N, C-alpha and C. Protein backbone atom coordinates (compact mmCIF):
# COMPACT_ATOMS: atom_id res chain seq x y z
N UNK A 1 71.52 125.08 143.44
CA UNK A 1 72.58 124.02 143.19
C UNK A 1 74.00 124.44 143.50
N UNK A 2 74.28 125.86 143.35
CA UNK A 2 75.60 126.32 143.51
C UNK A 2 75.66 127.14 144.82
N UNK A 3 76.85 126.97 145.50
CA UNK A 3 77.10 127.78 146.65
C UNK A 3 77.78 129.01 146.23
N UNK A 4 77.30 130.20 146.60
CA UNK A 4 77.88 131.54 146.26
C UNK A 4 79.29 131.59 146.56
N UNK A 5 79.69 131.14 147.75
CA UNK A 5 81.12 131.35 148.06
C UNK A 5 81.98 130.33 147.25
N UNK A 6 81.49 129.19 146.97
CA UNK A 6 82.17 128.29 146.16
C UNK A 6 82.38 128.88 144.82
N UNK A 7 81.39 129.48 144.26
CA UNK A 7 81.39 129.99 142.93
C UNK A 7 82.42 131.15 142.82
N UNK A 8 82.44 131.97 143.90
CA UNK A 8 83.39 133.11 143.98
C UNK A 8 84.82 132.54 143.99
N UNK A 9 85.07 131.62 144.80
CA UNK A 9 86.45 131.03 144.84
C UNK A 9 86.79 130.46 143.48
N UNK A 10 85.78 129.73 142.81
CA UNK A 10 86.13 129.23 141.51
C UNK A 10 86.46 130.27 140.53
N UNK A 11 85.64 131.39 140.50
CA UNK A 11 85.91 132.40 139.59
C UNK A 11 87.24 133.13 139.73
N UNK A 12 87.65 133.25 141.10
CA UNK A 12 88.99 133.89 141.41
C UNK A 12 90.07 132.96 140.95
N UNK A 13 89.94 131.63 141.15
CA UNK A 13 90.98 130.70 140.65
C UNK A 13 91.01 130.67 139.22
N UNK A 14 89.83 130.66 138.58
CA UNK A 14 89.75 130.66 137.07
C UNK A 14 90.44 131.87 136.45
N UNK A 15 90.07 133.05 137.04
CA UNK A 15 90.66 134.25 136.47
C UNK A 15 92.17 134.22 136.58
N UNK A 16 92.69 133.82 137.73
CA UNK A 16 94.15 133.81 137.86
C UNK A 16 94.77 132.82 136.84
N UNK A 17 94.16 131.70 136.56
CA UNK A 17 94.61 130.69 135.65
C UNK A 17 94.62 131.24 134.29
N UNK A 18 93.46 131.83 133.89
CA UNK A 18 93.36 132.39 132.53
C UNK A 18 94.29 133.56 132.21
N UNK A 19 94.65 134.29 133.25
CA UNK A 19 95.47 135.46 133.07
C UNK A 19 96.87 135.07 132.86
N UNK A 20 97.18 133.90 133.39
CA UNK A 20 98.65 133.42 133.27
C UNK A 20 98.96 133.23 131.85
N UNK A 21 100.11 133.66 131.32
CA UNK A 21 100.53 133.52 129.92
C UNK A 21 100.96 132.01 129.54
N UNK A 22 99.96 131.18 129.46
CA UNK A 22 100.19 129.79 129.18
C UNK A 22 100.12 129.53 127.71
N UNK A 23 100.04 128.23 127.26
CA UNK A 23 100.04 127.89 125.82
C UNK A 23 98.89 128.48 125.11
N UNK A 24 97.71 128.58 125.69
CA UNK A 24 96.62 129.15 125.01
C UNK A 24 96.78 130.64 124.69
N UNK A 25 97.27 131.38 125.70
CA UNK A 25 97.62 132.76 125.48
C UNK A 25 98.63 132.98 124.41
N UNK A 26 99.68 132.12 124.34
CA UNK A 26 100.82 132.22 123.39
C UNK A 26 100.19 131.84 121.93
N UNK A 27 99.28 130.93 121.88
CA UNK A 27 98.69 130.51 120.67
C UNK A 27 97.75 131.77 120.16
N UNK A 28 96.97 132.33 121.14
CA UNK A 28 96.18 133.53 120.59
C UNK A 28 97.07 134.67 120.09
N UNK A 29 98.21 134.94 120.96
CA UNK A 29 99.06 136.06 120.43
C UNK A 29 99.72 135.74 119.11
N UNK A 30 100.14 134.49 118.88
CA UNK A 30 100.74 134.09 117.67
C UNK A 30 99.77 134.35 116.48
N UNK A 31 98.49 134.06 116.66
CA UNK A 31 97.51 134.31 115.62
C UNK A 31 97.21 135.82 115.49
N UNK A 32 97.23 136.54 116.58
CA UNK A 32 97.09 138.02 116.50
C UNK A 32 98.20 138.64 115.64
N UNK A 33 99.44 138.11 115.90
CA UNK A 33 100.54 138.70 115.30
C UNK A 33 100.54 138.44 113.69
N UNK A 34 99.99 137.33 113.50
CA UNK A 34 99.94 136.88 111.96
C UNK A 34 98.60 137.39 111.23
N UNK A 35 97.59 137.32 111.89
CA UNK A 35 96.19 137.66 111.26
C UNK A 35 95.61 138.87 111.80
N UNK A 36 96.14 139.57 112.85
CA UNK A 36 95.43 140.71 113.35
C UNK A 36 94.55 140.27 114.55
N UNK A 37 93.92 141.26 115.05
CA UNK A 37 93.09 141.02 116.22
C UNK A 37 91.92 140.07 115.88
N UNK A 38 91.37 140.20 114.72
CA UNK A 38 90.34 139.35 114.31
C UNK A 38 90.78 137.88 114.40
N UNK A 39 91.96 137.57 113.80
CA UNK A 39 92.49 136.28 113.92
C UNK A 39 92.75 135.75 115.27
N UNK A 40 93.20 136.56 116.19
CA UNK A 40 93.41 136.27 117.56
C UNK A 40 92.01 135.90 118.32
N UNK A 41 91.03 136.74 117.88
CA UNK A 41 89.68 136.50 118.57
C UNK A 41 89.12 135.19 118.05
N UNK A 42 89.22 134.86 116.84
CA UNK A 42 88.76 133.63 116.27
C UNK A 42 89.46 132.43 116.86
N UNK A 43 90.80 132.59 117.01
CA UNK A 43 91.56 131.53 117.70
C UNK A 43 91.14 131.35 119.17
N UNK A 44 90.76 132.47 119.86
CA UNK A 44 90.23 132.44 121.21
C UNK A 44 88.96 131.62 121.32
N UNK A 45 88.06 131.94 120.28
CA UNK A 45 86.71 131.24 120.23
C UNK A 45 86.88 129.72 119.95
N UNK A 46 87.87 129.52 119.17
CA UNK A 46 88.18 128.01 118.73
C UNK A 46 88.65 127.34 120.06
N UNK A 47 89.45 127.96 120.84
CA UNK A 47 90.03 127.36 122.06
C UNK A 47 88.79 127.18 123.07
N UNK A 48 87.90 128.16 123.08
CA UNK A 48 86.83 128.05 124.01
C UNK A 48 85.89 126.91 123.68
N UNK A 49 85.72 126.63 122.39
CA UNK A 49 85.02 125.46 121.86
C UNK A 49 85.64 124.26 122.35
N UNK A 50 87.06 124.12 122.23
CA UNK A 50 87.68 123.03 122.71
C UNK A 50 87.63 122.75 124.24
N UNK A 51 87.51 123.88 124.96
CA UNK A 51 87.36 123.74 126.41
C UNK A 51 85.96 123.21 126.73
N UNK A 52 84.97 123.52 125.98
CA UNK A 52 83.65 123.09 126.15
C UNK A 52 83.70 121.56 125.93
N UNK A 53 84.33 121.09 124.93
CA UNK A 53 84.50 119.73 124.66
C UNK A 53 85.22 118.91 125.89
N UNK A 54 86.31 119.56 126.42
CA UNK A 54 87.02 118.86 127.55
C UNK A 54 86.13 118.96 128.76
N UNK A 55 85.41 119.97 128.97
CA UNK A 55 84.47 120.09 130.17
C UNK A 55 83.51 118.95 130.11
N UNK A 56 82.96 118.69 128.93
CA UNK A 56 81.95 117.57 128.78
C UNK A 56 82.66 116.25 129.08
N UNK A 57 83.86 116.07 128.67
CA UNK A 57 84.48 114.84 128.86
C UNK A 57 84.80 114.58 130.31
N UNK A 58 85.16 115.70 131.06
CA UNK A 58 85.50 115.56 132.48
C UNK A 58 84.11 115.42 133.21
N UNK A 59 83.05 116.05 132.82
CA UNK A 59 81.82 116.00 133.58
C UNK A 59 81.23 114.55 133.45
N UNK A 60 81.47 113.90 132.38
CA UNK A 60 80.92 112.56 132.24
C UNK A 60 81.87 111.49 132.41
N UNK A 61 83.08 111.83 132.97
CA UNK A 61 84.06 110.85 133.35
C UNK A 61 84.87 110.26 132.23
N UNK A 62 84.67 110.70 130.94
CA UNK A 62 85.37 110.05 129.86
C UNK A 62 86.81 110.44 129.89
N UNK A 63 87.25 111.53 130.43
CA UNK A 63 88.67 111.89 130.48
C UNK A 63 89.38 111.02 131.37
N UNK A 64 88.71 110.32 132.35
CA UNK A 64 89.41 109.46 133.31
C UNK A 64 90.08 108.31 132.56
N UNK A 65 89.52 108.00 131.38
CA UNK A 65 90.15 106.95 130.63
C UNK A 65 91.62 107.14 130.27
N UNK A 66 91.92 108.57 130.11
CA UNK A 66 93.27 108.84 129.79
C UNK A 66 94.27 108.56 130.93
N UNK A 67 93.75 108.56 132.18
CA UNK A 67 94.53 108.19 133.28
C UNK A 67 94.84 106.69 133.40
N UNK A 68 93.95 105.86 132.86
CA UNK A 68 94.14 104.45 132.94
C UNK A 68 94.74 103.80 131.70
N UNK A 69 94.62 104.54 130.62
CA UNK A 69 95.22 104.01 129.35
C UNK A 69 96.27 104.93 128.81
N UNK A 70 97.56 104.55 129.16
CA UNK A 70 98.68 105.42 128.70
C UNK A 70 98.74 105.58 127.16
N UNK A 71 98.37 104.50 126.48
CA UNK A 71 98.53 104.53 125.02
C UNK A 71 97.59 105.64 124.44
N UNK A 72 96.37 105.91 125.09
CA UNK A 72 95.33 106.77 124.63
C UNK A 72 95.96 108.21 124.85
N UNK A 73 96.54 108.40 126.00
CA UNK A 73 97.10 109.69 126.41
C UNK A 73 98.27 110.06 125.40
N UNK A 74 99.13 109.13 125.25
CA UNK A 74 100.36 109.35 124.42
C UNK A 74 99.93 109.55 122.95
N UNK A 75 98.90 108.82 122.48
CA UNK A 75 98.52 109.03 121.03
C UNK A 75 97.90 110.36 120.87
N UNK A 76 97.10 110.91 121.79
CA UNK A 76 96.54 112.12 121.75
C UNK A 76 97.52 113.24 121.84
N UNK A 77 98.57 113.11 122.80
CA UNK A 77 99.58 114.15 122.99
C UNK A 77 100.45 114.26 121.73
N UNK A 78 100.83 113.13 121.14
CA UNK A 78 101.70 113.12 119.92
C UNK A 78 100.92 113.79 118.72
N UNK A 79 99.62 113.43 118.65
CA UNK A 79 98.78 114.02 117.51
C UNK A 79 98.72 115.57 117.68
N UNK A 80 98.53 115.94 118.99
CA UNK A 80 98.46 117.37 119.16
C UNK A 80 99.75 118.07 118.89
N UNK A 81 100.85 117.47 119.35
CA UNK A 81 102.11 118.15 119.15
C UNK A 81 102.49 118.22 117.68
N UNK A 82 102.29 117.14 116.95
CA UNK A 82 102.48 117.19 115.50
C UNK A 82 101.66 118.24 114.79
N UNK A 83 100.36 118.27 115.23
CA UNK A 83 99.44 119.34 114.63
C UNK A 83 99.96 120.67 114.86
N UNK A 84 100.50 121.05 116.08
CA UNK A 84 101.00 122.38 116.35
C UNK A 84 102.21 122.70 115.48
N UNK A 85 103.05 121.60 115.39
CA UNK A 85 104.36 121.74 114.60
C UNK A 85 104.01 121.98 113.12
N UNK A 86 102.96 121.24 112.56
CA UNK A 86 102.53 121.36 111.23
C UNK A 86 101.98 122.85 110.98
N UNK A 87 101.28 123.35 111.94
CA UNK A 87 100.75 124.78 111.75
C UNK A 87 101.91 125.77 111.77
N UNK A 88 102.93 125.48 112.68
CA UNK A 88 104.07 126.35 112.71
C UNK A 88 104.83 126.25 111.35
N UNK A 89 105.06 125.19 110.91
CA UNK A 89 105.82 124.92 109.56
C UNK A 89 105.02 125.69 108.51
N UNK A 90 103.72 125.61 108.49
CA UNK A 90 102.88 126.23 107.54
C UNK A 90 102.98 127.72 107.56
N UNK A 91 103.11 128.24 108.75
CA UNK A 91 103.24 129.71 108.91
C UNK A 91 104.68 130.21 108.41
N UNK A 92 105.71 129.42 108.67
CA UNK A 92 107.00 129.73 108.16
C UNK A 92 106.97 129.65 106.58
N UNK A 93 106.36 128.69 106.06
CA UNK A 93 106.30 128.53 104.56
C UNK A 93 105.51 129.68 103.96
N UNK A 94 104.49 130.17 104.59
CA UNK A 94 103.71 131.20 104.04
C UNK A 94 104.55 132.55 103.93
N UNK A 95 105.54 132.67 104.77
CA UNK A 95 106.41 133.89 104.61
C UNK A 95 106.86 134.09 103.22
N UNK A 96 107.33 133.07 102.62
CA UNK A 96 107.83 133.29 101.19
C UNK A 96 106.76 133.45 100.13
N UNK A 97 105.52 132.98 100.46
CA UNK A 97 104.40 132.98 99.60
C UNK A 97 103.48 134.18 99.73
N UNK A 98 103.58 134.84 100.86
CA UNK A 98 102.60 135.87 101.26
C UNK A 98 102.72 137.13 100.41
N UNK A 99 101.76 137.87 100.18
CA UNK A 99 101.65 139.12 99.50
C UNK A 99 101.60 140.28 100.41
N UNK A 100 101.92 141.46 99.96
CA UNK A 100 101.96 142.61 100.77
C UNK A 100 100.54 143.19 100.96
N UNK A 101 99.79 142.47 101.80
CA UNK A 101 98.38 142.92 102.03
C UNK A 101 98.28 143.48 103.47
N UNK A 102 99.29 143.58 104.24
CA UNK A 102 99.17 144.05 105.60
C UNK A 102 98.82 143.02 106.67
N UNK A 103 98.06 141.97 106.23
CA UNK A 103 97.73 140.77 107.12
C UNK A 103 97.78 139.52 106.35
N UNK A 104 98.24 138.49 106.96
CA UNK A 104 98.14 137.18 106.34
C UNK A 104 96.69 136.79 106.20
N UNK A 105 96.31 136.38 105.00
CA UNK A 105 94.93 135.99 104.67
C UNK A 105 94.61 134.55 105.17
N UNK A 106 93.42 134.51 105.83
CA UNK A 106 92.98 133.16 106.30
C UNK A 106 91.47 133.19 106.48
N UNK A 107 90.80 132.17 106.06
CA UNK A 107 89.44 132.10 106.28
C UNK A 107 89.09 132.09 107.71
N UNK A 108 88.04 132.85 108.23
CA UNK A 108 87.69 132.77 109.64
C UNK A 108 87.32 131.43 110.08
N UNK A 109 86.62 130.61 109.43
CA UNK A 109 86.35 129.20 109.81
C UNK A 109 87.61 128.39 109.87
N UNK A 110 88.63 128.71 109.16
CA UNK A 110 89.87 127.90 109.17
C UNK A 110 90.56 128.27 110.51
N UNK A 111 90.68 129.48 110.90
CA UNK A 111 91.31 129.86 112.07
C UNK A 111 90.54 129.35 113.32
N UNK A 112 89.20 129.50 113.28
CA UNK A 112 88.39 128.88 114.37
C UNK A 112 88.58 127.42 114.45
N UNK A 113 88.63 126.67 113.36
CA UNK A 113 88.84 125.16 113.41
C UNK A 113 90.15 124.89 113.91
N UNK A 114 91.17 125.54 113.64
CA UNK A 114 92.47 125.21 114.04
C UNK A 114 92.66 125.45 115.60
N UNK A 115 92.02 126.51 116.04
CA UNK A 115 92.02 126.72 117.57
C UNK A 115 91.33 125.60 118.26
N UNK A 116 90.23 125.16 117.76
CA UNK A 116 89.50 124.05 118.35
C UNK A 116 90.27 122.77 118.43
N UNK A 117 90.78 122.48 117.15
CA UNK A 117 91.60 121.17 117.08
C UNK A 117 92.78 121.14 117.99
N UNK A 118 93.49 122.31 118.04
CA UNK A 118 94.60 122.41 118.83
C UNK A 118 94.33 122.21 120.31
N UNK A 119 93.31 122.74 120.78
CA UNK A 119 92.87 122.45 122.21
C UNK A 119 92.36 121.06 122.48
N UNK A 120 91.59 120.53 121.54
CA UNK A 120 91.03 119.20 121.72
C UNK A 120 92.09 118.12 121.73
N UNK A 121 93.20 118.33 120.93
CA UNK A 121 94.26 117.32 120.80
C UNK A 121 95.31 117.44 122.05
N UNK A 122 95.07 118.34 122.92
CA UNK A 122 95.95 118.44 124.10
C UNK A 122 95.38 117.69 125.27
N UNK A 123 95.90 116.51 125.50
CA UNK A 123 95.34 115.69 126.70
C UNK A 123 95.60 116.37 128.05
N UNK A 124 96.63 117.30 128.04
CA UNK A 124 96.88 117.98 129.34
C UNK A 124 95.65 118.75 129.78
N UNK A 125 94.86 119.38 128.84
CA UNK A 125 93.71 120.06 129.14
C UNK A 125 92.62 119.26 129.83
N UNK A 126 92.41 117.99 129.16
CA UNK A 126 91.45 117.04 129.62
C UNK A 126 91.78 116.63 131.11
N UNK A 127 93.03 116.45 131.37
CA UNK A 127 93.54 115.99 132.73
C UNK A 127 93.33 117.09 133.71
N UNK A 128 93.61 118.28 133.20
CA UNK A 128 93.46 119.51 134.10
C UNK A 128 92.03 119.65 134.61
N UNK A 129 91.09 119.45 133.65
CA UNK A 129 89.66 119.75 134.00
C UNK A 129 89.20 118.52 134.95
N UNK A 130 89.75 117.32 134.65
CA UNK A 130 89.37 116.21 135.47
C UNK A 130 89.94 116.34 136.98
N UNK A 131 91.05 117.15 137.18
CA UNK A 131 91.55 117.35 138.38
C UNK A 131 91.00 118.56 139.12
N UNK A 132 90.70 119.64 138.25
CA UNK A 132 90.32 121.00 138.74
C UNK A 132 88.83 121.05 139.07
N UNK A 133 87.92 120.56 138.17
CA UNK A 133 86.49 120.88 138.39
C UNK A 133 85.95 120.18 139.64
N UNK A 134 86.38 118.87 139.98
CA UNK A 134 85.83 118.17 141.10
C UNK A 134 86.13 118.82 142.40
N UNK A 135 87.10 119.73 142.55
CA UNK A 135 87.37 120.41 143.78
C UNK A 135 86.31 121.33 144.24
N UNK A 136 85.51 121.73 143.17
CA UNK A 136 84.45 122.72 143.53
C UNK A 136 83.02 122.12 143.45
N UNK A 137 82.90 120.89 143.10
CA UNK A 137 81.68 120.12 143.09
C UNK A 137 81.28 119.58 144.44
N UNK A 138 80.10 119.89 144.84
CA UNK A 138 79.47 119.39 146.10
C UNK A 138 78.47 118.40 145.86
N UNK A 139 78.67 117.12 146.06
CA UNK A 139 77.61 116.20 145.72
C UNK A 139 76.26 116.36 146.50
N UNK A 140 76.42 117.03 147.65
CA UNK A 140 75.18 117.31 148.53
C UNK A 140 74.26 118.34 147.82
N UNK A 141 74.80 119.04 146.79
CA UNK A 141 74.07 120.12 146.14
C UNK A 141 73.42 119.64 144.78
N UNK A 142 73.42 118.38 144.53
CA UNK A 142 72.83 117.89 143.28
C UNK A 142 73.83 117.10 142.45
N UNK A 143 73.37 116.85 141.20
CA UNK A 143 74.09 116.04 140.23
C UNK A 143 75.50 116.51 140.06
N UNK A 144 76.48 115.75 140.34
CA UNK A 144 77.90 116.22 140.23
C UNK A 144 78.27 116.60 138.74
N UNK A 145 77.78 115.78 137.76
CA UNK A 145 78.03 115.96 136.44
C UNK A 145 77.52 117.32 135.97
N UNK A 146 76.33 117.74 136.35
CA UNK A 146 75.64 118.99 136.07
C UNK A 146 76.42 120.13 136.68
N UNK A 147 76.90 119.95 137.95
CA UNK A 147 77.68 120.93 138.57
C UNK A 147 78.97 121.14 137.78
N UNK A 148 79.55 120.08 137.43
CA UNK A 148 80.87 120.25 136.70
C UNK A 148 80.56 121.02 135.30
N UNK A 149 79.47 120.75 134.65
CA UNK A 149 79.20 121.40 133.46
C UNK A 149 79.00 122.97 133.68
N UNK A 150 78.35 123.35 134.86
CA UNK A 150 78.10 124.62 135.12
C UNK A 150 79.38 125.30 135.44
N UNK A 151 80.22 124.77 136.23
CA UNK A 151 81.60 125.41 136.49
C UNK A 151 82.38 125.45 135.19
N UNK A 152 82.28 124.46 134.35
CA UNK A 152 82.97 124.43 133.08
C UNK A 152 82.59 125.70 132.24
N UNK A 153 81.23 126.01 132.28
CA UNK A 153 80.70 127.06 131.49
C UNK A 153 81.33 128.37 132.01
N UNK A 154 81.45 128.43 133.30
CA UNK A 154 81.98 129.79 133.96
C UNK A 154 83.36 129.86 133.54
N UNK A 155 84.21 128.74 133.57
CA UNK A 155 85.57 128.78 133.10
C UNK A 155 85.75 129.23 131.63
N UNK A 156 84.75 128.62 130.78
CA UNK A 156 84.85 129.08 129.34
C UNK A 156 84.56 130.42 129.23
N UNK A 157 83.55 131.07 129.94
CA UNK A 157 83.21 132.50 129.78
C UNK A 157 84.43 133.39 130.22
N UNK A 158 85.05 133.00 131.38
CA UNK A 158 86.20 133.73 131.89
C UNK A 158 87.36 133.70 130.90
N UNK A 159 87.68 132.49 130.44
CA UNK A 159 88.85 132.27 129.45
C UNK A 159 88.57 132.94 128.10
N UNK A 160 87.35 133.04 127.68
CA UNK A 160 87.08 133.72 126.39
C UNK A 160 87.25 135.24 126.55
N UNK A 161 86.81 135.82 127.66
CA UNK A 161 87.00 137.16 127.83
C UNK A 161 88.45 137.54 127.88
N UNK A 162 89.23 136.74 128.65
CA UNK A 162 90.70 137.01 128.83
C UNK A 162 91.43 136.87 127.50
N UNK A 163 91.18 135.77 126.80
CA UNK A 163 91.87 135.51 125.55
C UNK A 163 91.49 136.54 124.41
N UNK A 164 90.26 136.99 124.49
CA UNK A 164 89.92 137.96 123.52
C UNK A 164 90.61 139.27 123.81
N UNK A 165 90.68 139.59 125.07
CA UNK A 165 91.54 140.82 125.45
C UNK A 165 92.90 140.72 125.06
N UNK A 166 93.53 139.58 125.29
CA UNK A 166 94.89 139.37 124.74
C UNK A 166 94.91 139.54 123.27
N UNK A 167 93.93 139.02 122.51
CA UNK A 167 93.96 139.02 121.10
C UNK A 167 93.86 140.56 120.56
N UNK A 168 93.00 141.34 121.32
CA UNK A 168 92.83 142.65 120.84
C UNK A 168 94.17 143.47 121.13
N UNK A 169 94.72 143.31 122.22
CA UNK A 169 96.02 144.02 122.58
C UNK A 169 97.10 143.53 121.65
N UNK A 170 97.16 142.30 121.34
CA UNK A 170 98.19 141.74 120.46
C UNK A 170 98.00 142.28 119.06
N UNK A 171 96.84 142.36 118.63
CA UNK A 171 96.45 142.84 117.35
C UNK A 171 96.80 144.34 117.14
N UNK A 172 96.50 145.05 118.16
CA UNK A 172 96.77 146.42 118.06
C UNK A 172 98.37 146.71 118.02
N UNK A 173 99.05 146.04 119.00
CA UNK A 173 100.45 146.22 119.08
C UNK A 173 101.17 145.85 117.64
N UNK A 174 100.61 144.85 117.03
CA UNK A 174 101.28 144.41 115.76
C UNK A 174 100.74 144.96 114.52
N UNK A 175 99.67 145.88 114.62
CA UNK A 175 98.92 146.45 113.45
C UNK A 175 99.95 147.22 112.62
N UNK A 176 100.74 148.13 113.24
CA UNK A 176 101.63 148.99 112.57
C UNK A 176 102.72 148.15 111.91
N UNK A 177 103.18 147.15 112.63
CA UNK A 177 104.32 146.35 112.03
C UNK A 177 103.84 145.47 110.88
N UNK A 178 102.63 145.07 110.92
CA UNK A 178 102.05 144.25 109.84
C UNK A 178 101.88 144.96 108.53
N UNK A 179 101.84 146.30 108.64
CA UNK A 179 101.75 147.12 107.45
C UNK A 179 103.10 147.27 106.74
N UNK A 180 104.19 146.83 107.48
CA UNK A 180 105.49 146.85 106.89
C UNK A 180 105.80 145.40 106.42
N UNK A 181 106.07 145.38 105.18
CA UNK A 181 106.28 143.99 104.61
C UNK A 181 107.34 143.25 105.26
N UNK A 182 108.38 143.85 105.52
CA UNK A 182 109.54 143.11 106.29
C UNK A 182 109.07 142.74 107.65
N UNK A 183 108.52 143.59 108.42
CA UNK A 183 108.01 143.23 109.73
C UNK A 183 106.96 142.19 109.76
N UNK A 184 106.04 142.19 108.67
CA UNK A 184 105.02 141.29 108.59
C UNK A 184 105.63 139.81 108.41
N UNK A 185 106.65 139.76 107.66
CA UNK A 185 107.41 138.46 107.45
C UNK A 185 108.01 138.07 108.78
N UNK A 186 108.54 138.92 109.55
CA UNK A 186 109.16 138.54 110.76
C UNK A 186 108.17 138.18 111.76
N UNK A 187 106.90 138.75 111.82
CA UNK A 187 105.91 138.35 112.66
C UNK A 187 105.37 137.00 112.32
N UNK A 188 105.36 136.73 111.03
CA UNK A 188 104.93 135.38 110.62
C UNK A 188 105.94 134.36 111.07
N UNK A 189 107.23 134.72 110.92
CA UNK A 189 108.25 133.78 111.48
C UNK A 189 108.17 133.57 112.94
N UNK A 190 107.91 134.70 113.67
CA UNK A 190 107.74 134.43 115.14
C UNK A 190 106.59 133.67 115.59
N UNK A 191 105.45 133.85 114.85
CA UNK A 191 104.25 133.11 115.27
C UNK A 191 104.46 131.63 114.83
N UNK A 192 105.13 131.34 113.63
CA UNK A 192 105.52 129.97 113.35
C UNK A 192 106.46 129.35 114.33
N UNK A 193 107.37 130.05 114.80
CA UNK A 193 108.24 129.58 115.81
C UNK A 193 107.64 129.24 117.09
N UNK A 194 106.68 130.07 117.51
CA UNK A 194 105.93 129.91 118.75
C UNK A 194 105.18 128.61 118.64
N UNK A 195 104.49 128.42 117.53
CA UNK A 195 103.69 127.20 117.30
C UNK A 195 104.51 125.89 117.40
N UNK A 196 105.68 125.92 116.69
CA UNK A 196 106.63 124.83 116.71
C UNK A 196 107.11 124.59 118.15
N UNK A 197 107.46 125.65 118.88
CA UNK A 197 107.91 125.42 120.25
C UNK A 197 106.85 124.86 121.12
N UNK A 198 105.55 125.26 120.97
CA UNK A 198 104.47 124.77 121.68
C UNK A 198 104.29 123.26 121.44
N UNK A 199 104.44 122.89 120.13
CA UNK A 199 104.26 121.53 119.69
C UNK A 199 105.39 120.66 120.21
N UNK A 200 106.66 121.22 120.24
CA UNK A 200 107.80 120.47 120.71
C UNK A 200 107.61 120.32 122.23
N UNK A 201 107.10 121.33 122.90
CA UNK A 201 106.94 121.27 124.39
C UNK A 201 105.96 120.05 124.71
N UNK A 202 104.80 120.08 123.94
CA UNK A 202 103.83 119.02 124.21
C UNK A 202 104.46 117.63 123.92
N UNK A 203 105.19 117.60 122.81
CA UNK A 203 105.83 116.32 122.47
C UNK A 203 106.69 115.64 123.49
N UNK A 204 107.46 116.49 124.18
CA UNK A 204 108.43 115.91 125.10
C UNK A 204 107.94 115.92 126.52
N UNK A 205 106.69 116.57 126.68
CA UNK A 205 106.19 116.61 128.17
C UNK A 205 105.84 115.21 128.72
N UNK A 206 106.26 115.03 129.92
CA UNK A 206 105.94 113.66 130.50
C UNK A 206 104.47 113.55 130.81
N UNK A 207 104.07 112.40 130.98
CA UNK A 207 102.73 112.13 131.26
C UNK A 207 102.34 112.54 132.67
N UNK A 208 101.24 113.20 132.89
CA UNK A 208 100.81 113.64 134.20
C UNK A 208 100.30 112.41 135.02
N UNK A 209 100.62 112.41 136.28
CA UNK A 209 100.19 111.26 137.12
C UNK A 209 98.69 111.10 137.21
């Protein structure tokens, strides 16, 4: 079904995109700063689950509805932006409530769920996959939707590896600082500020053509 050269080009483009410090990387680093490497890894896995969701939407053409119905795109964009801002405000509020434990406590499932919701509520991701995946699909090689799912799986694998690496590096760099109560509060403020900025960026972003 897949052409080797096409797959290699796809993986090269995917790796370059995933290595770029975009919103997903910033979100992972914010969680690593606040919760340690484990928190960043869980956020990475949540993002990957969200990408699986968007891949399925693109593969079956559901994401195309966002191009034809502006209200759907705007509703999803605003919901995603407000959710990020809400997470950021929560991180800032936790500064005053946190105890000197070295890491901010959070249930693994909660971090995973937040990463998933954050990615799902970003319509830019859906439109990206709708535009990106078809470039590598060859109808002559079989069902286009199945090819898109296959390429999407490769994207998820590459993105997960890269984001987990960012999470581990971010967790190690912030580990010593998190043991200091004052620096831990500063890291929480920084992660909260990053989340709020990401939400504000999504809120004011224009609709993609």
